[in-house]
Amino acid sequence: MCPTSAQTSPGPLPDSALADFLTAHGLAAPGEAAHWTPLTGGVSSDLWRVDLPGRSLCVKRALAQLKVAADWQAPVSRNAYEWAWMRFASRHRPDSVPELLTHDAEAGLFAMAFLPPEHYPLWKAQLLRGEVRPTTAAAVGELLGNLHAASAGDAALAAEFATDDNFRALRIEPYLLATAAAHPGLSDILQGLADRTATTHLALVHGDVSPKNILVGPSGPVLLDAECAWYGDPAFDLAFCVNHLLLKCLVVPEHRADLLRSARVLAEEYVRCVDWEPRAALEARAASLLPALLLARVDGKSPVEYLTDDRHRLFVRTVAAALLRAPAPTVADVLDAWATELGSSAVPGSGRPD
């Protein structure tokens, strides 16, 4: 499956460059029938499922202007870095990414295997349906920690993924700095987190470890959509993923306990892999980033689509602001604070009066 949660009906070929890409790289014979199905769900790329006689594959092309309401532009060169990140992951954990087929750096296109959703369900869809399995979260934490450990201290990777400009355009500015602009009272704190993150270079970061980019495969999690790949602060990936599990507590209230347990075991399994720096140092950075990312998914340039209730957004703002002003030392402490506030606030779904 491609990194998306929905698809439309097959339509005409978007442009001739795509057919040329297939034939130039031997993925289709000249004149061979190909059905292109545009896939939806992402904001940063055009994605297609391509059905050819007896086989299917996915083609991805990065966009210069992302599909969000805010003005958000990013270099299309990130397509090449995503391909390189997936090659790195495939060397260390072959089952953690789709099979890679071919890449055309000049055209900004690459192709990968199509993974059928009946065998590779999307983790986000599972969570929102209430299928919350802490074992899946534990596997994600272990995989992420393993990949970070494999890349830590690697000067060649640091040089290959010196993508500071990309990461600033895709993550630092739209998440941390845009949120700082929306919250002047927290501006200094968020600017400090942005500066610290941007200047920390310890391991190869995926940059978008979200349930929408994780398939639950028969051999473990499969990571997608590594456009933000950067040799930087691994704490960002940990905080980014845990953030999504906390937000889903608001919209799947009957499974809050399992979501919180999932967040906890993901962090625990990840931290067990940390051998490139003191674990307490990484945890402190992740714990301070976590409330910033919670707030960013409400007031940054890419708010999550499922927080439609004003009371949910107010809850996130209130709890995140308190944690930013009084940082917790560990991820577990952030989870405890989140759970406590869920239990004591009149947030919808809490079982208390609205």
Protein backbone atom coordinates (compact mmCIF):
# COMPACT_ATOMS: atom_id res chain seq x y z
CA MET A 1 0.00 0.00 0.00
CA CYS A 2 1.12 3.58 -0.61
CA PRO A 3 1.32 6.13 2.22
CA THR A 4 -2.33 7.09 2.13
CA SER A 5 -5.68 6.16 3.63
CA ALA A 6 -8.05 6.51 0.69
CA GLN A 7 -8.16 6.39 -3.09
CA THR A 8 -10.32 7.55 -5.95
CA SER A 9 -11.47 5.81 -9.12
CA PRO A 10 -8.93 5.21 -11.91
CA GLY A 11 -8.64 8.21 -14.17
CA PRO A 12 -6.63 9.44 -17.14
CA LEU A 13 -2.86 9.59 -17.01
CA PRO A 14 -2.00 12.86 -15.19
CA ASP A 15 0.83 13.70 -17.62
CA SER A 16 3.11 11.99 -20.11
CA ALA A 17 6.14 12.25 -17.82
CA LEU A 18 4.67 9.49 -15.67
CA ALA A 19 4.28 7.02 -18.55
CA ASP A 20 7.79 7.92 -19.71
CA PHE A 21 9.08 7.21 -16.21
CA LEU A 22 7.62 3.70 -16.25
CA THR A 23 8.97 2.78 -19.68
CA ALA A 24 12.37 4.44 -19.20
CA HIS A 25 13.00 2.36 -16.11
CA GLY A 26 11.62 -0.91 -17.45
CA LEU A 27 8.58 -0.97 -15.18
CA ALA A 28 6.20 -1.09 -18.17
CA ALA A 29 6.61 -2.01 -21.80
CA PRO A 30 5.92 0.69 -24.41
CA GLY A 31 2.20 0.80 -25.08
CA GLU A 32 1.36 -1.54 -22.19
CA ALA A 33 -1.99 -0.74 -20.58
CA ALA A 34 -1.61 1.02 -17.26
CA HIS A 35 -4.43 2.20 -14.97
CA TRP A 36 -3.46 5.16 -12.78
CA THR A 37 -5.40 5.64 -9.56
CA PRO A 38 -4.67 8.88 -7.68
CA LEU A 39 -4.34 8.30 -3.97
CA THR A 40 -5.42 10.78 -1.34
CA GLY A 41 -4.45 11.30 2.28
CA GLY A 42 -1.09 13.06 2.06
CA VAL A 43 -0.41 16.78 1.64
CA SER A 44 3.14 16.81 0.35
CA SER A 45 3.14 14.64 -2.78
CA ASP A 46 1.16 13.30 -5.69
CA LEU A 47 0.70 9.54 -5.30
CA TRP A 48 -0.65 6.92 -7.65
CA ARG A 49 -1.38 3.25 -7.63
CA VAL A 50 -0.47 1.91 -11.05
CA ASP A 51 -2.12 -1.33 -12.16
CA LEU A 52 -0.34 -3.13 -14.98
CA PRO A 53 -1.13 -6.57 -16.40
CA GLY A 54 -0.56 -8.98 -13.52
CA ARG A 55 1.09 -6.51 -11.16
CA SER A 56 0.65 -3.25 -9.26
CA LEU A 57 3.05 -0.62 -7.98
CA CYS A 58 3.09 2.88 -6.46
CA VAL A 59 4.59 6.03 -7.95
CA LYS A 60 5.32 9.13 -5.89
CA ARG A 61 6.20 12.69 -6.91
CA ALA A 62 6.97 15.51 -4.45
CA LEU A 63 5.05 18.81 -4.64
CA ALA A 64 6.60 22.27 -4.26
CA GLN A 65 3.42 23.70 -2.69
CA LEU A 66 1.90 21.42 -0.07
CA LYS A 67 -1.84 20.77 -0.08
CA VAL A 68 -2.76 22.70 3.06
CA ALA A 69 -4.67 25.94 3.65
CA ALA A 70 -1.55 27.83 4.75
CA ASP A 71 1.20 28.90 2.37
CA TRP A 72 3.66 26.04 2.84
CA GLN A 73 6.34 25.42 0.25
CA ALA A 74 9.20 22.96 0.40
CA PRO A 75 12.06 21.86 -1.88
CA VAL A 76 11.17 18.95 -4.18
CA SER A 77 14.70 17.62 -3.65
CA ARG A 78 13.25 15.88 -0.59
CA ASN A 79 12.08 13.11 -2.95
CA ALA A 80 15.70 12.01 -3.36
CA TYR A 81 16.30 12.07 0.38
CA GLU A 82 13.19 9.99 1.00
CA TRP A 83 14.47 7.40 -1.47
CA ALA A 84 17.87 7.42 0.25
CA TRP A 85 16.28 7.02 3.69
CA MET A 86 14.27 4.03 2.48
CA ARG A 87 17.41 2.46 1.05
CA PHE A 88 19.11 2.92 4.43
CA ALA A 89 16.18 1.33 6.26
CA SER A 90 16.02 -1.58 3.81
CA ARG A 91 19.66 -2.41 4.50
CA HIS A 92 19.13 -2.65 8.24
CA ARG A 93 15.51 -3.80 8.50
CA PRO A 94 14.41 -5.11 5.07
CA ASP A 95 10.80 -5.65 6.14
CA SER A 96 10.45 -2.09 7.45
CA VAL A 97 9.87 -0.43 4.06
CA PRO A 98 8.18 -1.47 0.80
CA GLU A 99 10.33 -3.06 -1.88
CA LEU A 100 12.07 -0.26 -3.75
CA LEU A 101 11.82 -0.41 -7.55
CA THR A 102 13.45 2.64 -9.13
CA HIS A 103 14.17 6.33 -8.65
CA ASP A 104 14.53 9.20 -11.12
CA ALA A 105 16.15 12.08 -9.25
CA GLU A 106 15.89 14.51 -12.16
CA ALA A 107 12.15 13.94 -12.53
CA GLY A 108 11.57 13.81 -8.77
CA LEU A 109 9.83 10.43 -9.04
CA PHE A 110 10.26 7.00 -7.53
CA ALA A 111 8.40 3.71 -7.62
CA MET A 112 7.90 1.10 -4.94
CA ALA A 113 5.91 -2.07 -4.49
CA PHE A 114 2.20 -1.88 -3.76
CA LEU A 115 1.37 -3.53 -0.44
CA PRO A 116 -2.24 -4.77 -0.37
CA PRO A 117 -4.26 -3.22 2.47
CA GLU A 118 -5.81 -6.54 3.44
CA HIS A 119 -2.33 -7.66 4.51
CA TYR A 120 -0.88 -4.25 5.43
CA PRO A 121 -3.56 -2.20 7.18
CA LEU A 122 -2.87 1.41 8.01
CA TRP A 123 -2.11 1.90 11.70
CA LYS A 124 -4.02 5.20 11.83
CA ALA A 125 -7.17 3.56 10.48
CA GLN A 126 -6.87 0.78 13.05
CA LEU A 127 -6.48 3.24 15.92
CA LEU A 128 -9.44 5.39 14.87
CA ARG A 129 -11.58 2.23 14.61
CA GLY A 130 -10.65 1.36 18.18
CA GLU A 131 -8.27 -1.45 17.25
CA VAL A 132 -5.60 -0.39 19.71
CA ARG A 133 -2.90 -2.97 20.31
CA PRO A 134 0.04 -1.95 22.50
CA THR A 135 2.10 -4.71 20.88
CA THR A 136 1.99 -2.76 17.61
CA ALA A 137 3.20 0.39 19.36
CA ALA A 138 6.00 -1.56 21.06
CA ALA A 139 7.14 -2.87 17.67
CA VAL A 140 7.15 0.67 16.26
CA GLY A 141 9.26 1.91 19.17
CA GLU A 142 11.74 -0.93 18.79
CA LEU A 143 12.04 -0.42 15.03
CA LEU A 144 12.54 3.32 15.34
CA GLY A 145 15.14 2.94 18.08
CA ASN A 146 16.96 0.27 16.10
CA LEU A 147 17.19 2.47 13.01
CA HIS A 148 18.40 5.44 15.03
CA ALA A 149 21.03 3.30 16.73
CA ALA A 150 22.21 1.99 13.35
CA SER A 151 22.74 5.53 12.08
CA ALA A 152 24.13 7.28 15.17
CA GLY A 153 27.68 8.52 14.86
CA ASP A 154 27.85 7.76 11.12
CA ALA A 155 29.76 10.59 9.45
CA ALA A 156 28.88 9.42 5.94
CA LEU A 157 25.15 9.48 6.72
CA ALA A 158 25.53 12.85 8.42
CA ALA A 159 27.02 14.23 5.20
CA GLU A 160 24.48 12.52 2.94
CA PHE A 161 21.52 13.78 4.97
CA ALA A 162 22.70 17.32 5.75
CA THR A 163 19.16 18.40 4.89
CA ASP A 164 18.80 21.21 7.41
CA ASP A 165 17.00 23.47 4.92
CA ASN A 166 14.46 20.77 4.04
CA PHE A 167 13.82 19.96 7.68
CA ARG A 168 13.38 23.59 8.54
CA ALA A 169 10.87 24.06 5.72
CA LEU A 170 8.96 20.86 6.49
CA ARG A 171 9.10 20.67 10.28
CA ILE A 172 10.78 23.49 12.19
CA GLU A 173 8.92 26.35 10.52
CA PRO A 174 5.39 24.89 10.05
CA TYR A 175 5.28 23.13 13.42
CA LEU A 176 7.39 25.01 15.96
CA LEU A 177 7.78 28.51 14.54
CA ALA A 178 4.26 28.84 13.15
CA THR A 179 2.93 27.74 16.54
CA ALA A 180 5.18 30.30 18.25
CA ALA A 181 3.64 33.01 16.08
CA ALA A 182 0.14 31.85 17.10
CA HIS A 183 1.07 31.87 20.82
CA PRO A 184 3.14 34.97 21.63
CA GLY A 185 3.17 34.09 25.33
CA LEU A 186 4.98 30.83 24.52
CA SER A 187 7.09 32.25 21.72
CA ASP A 188 10.42 32.23 23.55
CA ILE A 189 9.97 28.63 24.69
CA LEU A 190 8.99 27.39 21.24
CA GLN A 191 11.79 29.35 19.58
CA GLY A 192 14.24 27.76 22.01
CA LEU A 193 12.96 24.28 21.15
CA ALA A 194 13.25 25.08 17.46
CA ASP A 195 16.83 26.29 17.86
CA ARG A 196 17.85 23.29 19.96
CA THR A 197 16.27 20.81 17.55
CA ALA A 198 17.81 22.45 14.50
CA THR A 199 21.32 22.31 15.95
CA THR A 200 21.26 18.74 17.31
CA HIS A 201 22.81 16.24 14.89
CA LEU A 202 23.05 12.74 16.33
CA ALA A 203 21.22 10.22 14.13
CA LEU A 204 19.20 9.77 10.94
CA VAL A 205 15.70 11.10 11.57
CA HIS A 206 12.65 9.97 9.56
CA GLY A 207 10.74 13.14 10.41
CA ASP A 208 7.16 11.92 9.93
CA VAL A 209 6.73 8.86 12.13
CA SER A 210 2.95 9.08 12.32
CA PRO A 211 0.31 6.33 12.33
CA LYS A 212 -0.80 7.59 8.90
CA ASN A 213 2.63 6.58 7.59
CA ILE A 214 2.87 3.18 9.26
CA LEU A 215 1.46 -0.06 7.90
CA VAL A 216 0.96 -3.01 10.24
CA GLY A 217 2.58 -5.76 8.22
CA PRO A 218 2.78 -9.50 8.86
CA SER A 219 6.48 -9.15 9.73
CA GLY A 220 6.13 -5.92 11.70
CA PRO A 221 5.63 -2.20 11.06
CA VAL A 222 6.36 -0.76 7.62
CA LEU A 223 7.43 2.89 7.54
CA LEU A 224 6.44 5.20 4.69
CA ASP A 225 6.80 8.85 3.69
CA ALA A 226 10.34 9.77 4.72
CA GLU A 227 10.38 13.10 2.85
CA CYS A 228 11.62 14.88 5.97
CA ALA A 229 14.70 12.64 6.35
CA TRP A 230 17.47 14.54 8.14
CA TYR A 231 20.56 13.77 10.16
CA GLY A 232 19.50 15.49 13.34
CA ASP A 233 17.75 15.00 16.65
CA PRO A 234 16.29 11.49 17.07
CA ALA A 235 14.15 12.75 19.96
CA PHE A 236 12.00 14.47 17.34
CA ASP A 237 10.85 11.13 15.86
CA LEU A 238 9.98 9.73 19.27
CA ALA A 239 7.99 12.80 20.32
CA PHE A 240 6.30 13.07 16.91
CA CYS A 241 4.88 9.54 17.09
CA VAL A 242 3.84 9.58 20.76
CA ASN A 243 2.09 12.88 20.08
CA HIS A 244 -0.38 11.18 17.72
CA LEU A 245 -1.31 8.52 20.24
CA LEU A 246 -2.11 11.18 22.83
CA LEU A 247 -4.27 13.20 20.44
CA LYS A 248 -6.29 10.12 19.55
CA CYS A 249 -7.26 9.75 23.21
CA LEU A 250 -9.64 12.65 22.56
CA VAL A 251 -11.48 11.07 19.65
CA VAL A 252 -11.45 7.39 20.67
CA PRO A 253 -12.30 7.92 24.37
CA GLU A 254 -13.39 4.36 25.05
CA HIS A 255 -9.85 3.18 24.24
CA ARG A 256 -7.91 5.84 26.13
CA ALA A 257 -6.30 3.35 28.48
CA ASP A 258 -4.94 1.29 25.60
CA LEU A 259 -3.78 4.40 23.73
CA LEU A 260 -1.91 5.63 26.79
CA ARG A 261 -0.45 2.17 27.30
CA SER A 262 0.60 2.15 23.63
CA ALA A 263 2.35 5.50 24.03
CA ARG A 264 4.12 4.24 27.13
CA VAL A 265 5.39 0.97 25.66
CA LEU A 266 6.45 2.67 22.42
CA ALA A 267 8.65 5.05 24.40
CA GLU A 268 9.97 2.26 26.65
CA GLU A 269 10.97 0.02 23.73
CA TYR A 270 12.55 2.94 21.94
CA VAL A 271 14.61 4.05 24.93
CA ARG A 272 15.98 0.52 25.37
CA CYS A 273 17.74 0.97 22.02
CA VAL A 274 19.41 4.26 22.93
CA ASP A 275 23.15 3.67 23.19
CA TRP A 276 24.53 6.73 21.40
CA GLU A 277 23.96 9.21 24.24
CA PRO A 278 22.70 9.16 27.84
CA ARG A 279 19.10 7.98 27.80
CA ALA A 280 18.06 10.71 30.23
CA ALA A 281 19.30 13.38 27.82
CA LEU A 282 17.27 12.04 24.91
CA GLU A 283 14.18 11.57 27.07
CA ALA A 284 14.39 15.15 28.33
CA ARG A 285 14.48 16.49 24.77
CA ALA A 286 11.58 14.28 23.68
CA ALA A 287 9.54 15.22 26.76
CA SER A 288 9.98 18.94 26.09
CA LEU A 289 9.20 18.58 22.38
CA LEU A 290 6.05 16.55 22.98
CA PRO A 291 3.81 19.39 24.25
CA ALA A 292 5.13 21.66 21.49
CA LEU A 293 4.06 19.12 18.88
CA LEU A 294 0.68 18.64 20.58
CA LEU A 295 0.09 22.37 20.28
CA ALA A 296 1.38 22.40 16.71
CA ARG A 297 -1.26 19.92 15.61
CA VAL A 298 -3.90 22.43 16.72
CA ASP A 299 -2.34 25.81 15.86
CA GLY A 300 0.51 25.06 13.45
CA LYS A 301 0.33 24.88 9.66
CA SER A 302 -0.81 21.25 9.60
CA PRO A 303 -3.58 20.74 12.19
CA VAL A 304 -4.91 17.19 12.54
CA GLU A 305 -8.20 16.80 10.72
CA TYR A 306 -10.00 14.80 13.40
CA LEU A 307 -9.89 17.39 16.21
CA THR A 308 -13.09 19.12 15.11
CA ASP A 309 -14.52 19.85 18.57
CA ASP A 310 -13.50 23.25 19.96
CA ARG A 311 -13.35 21.70 23.43
CA HIS A 312 -10.76 19.18 22.27
CA ARG A 313 -8.59 21.95 20.84
CA LEU A 314 -8.94 23.99 24.02
CA PHE A 315 -7.91 20.96 26.07
CA VAL A 316 -4.77 20.48 23.97
CA ARG A 317 -3.87 24.17 24.24
CA THR A 318 -4.34 24.20 28.00
CA VAL A 319 -2.38 21.04 28.79
CA ALA A 320 0.38 21.68 26.25
CA ALA A 321 0.93 25.25 27.47
CA ALA A 322 1.28 24.09 31.07
CA LEU A 323 3.81 21.43 30.06
CA LEU A 324 5.79 23.91 27.99
CA ARG A 325 6.04 26.31 30.90
CA ALA A 326 7.00 23.54 33.36
CA PRO A 327 8.79 20.87 31.29
CA ALA A 328 8.56 17.25 32.41
CA PRO A 329 11.86 15.32 32.60
CA THR A 330 10.64 12.14 30.88
CA VAL A 331 8.07 11.05 28.32
CA ALA A 332 6.42 8.97 31.04
CA ASP A 333 5.91 12.14 33.08
CA VAL A 334 4.20 13.81 30.10
CA LEU A 335 1.94 10.78 29.70
CA ASP A 336 1.06 10.88 33.40
CA ALA A 337 0.17 14.57 33.16
CA TRP A 338 -1.96 13.98 30.04
CA ALA A 339 -3.79 11.07 31.71
CA THR A 340 -4.41 13.09 34.86
CA GLU A 341 -5.90 15.99 32.91
CA LEU A 342 -8.06 13.63 30.83
CA GLY A 343 -9.44 12.20 34.03
CA SER A 344 -10.12 15.51 35.74
CA SER A 345 -11.32 17.73 32.88
CA ALA A 346 -14.75 18.00 31.34
CA VAL A 347 -13.36 17.14 27.93
CA PRO A 348 -15.89 15.40 25.64
CA GLY A 349 -15.77 11.64 26.08
CA SER A 350 -14.32 11.80 29.56
CA GLY A 351 -17.48 10.55 31.16
CA ARG A 352 -17.88 13.91 32.93
CA PRO A 353 -20.39 16.65 32.12
CA ASP A 354 -19.62 18.58 28.90
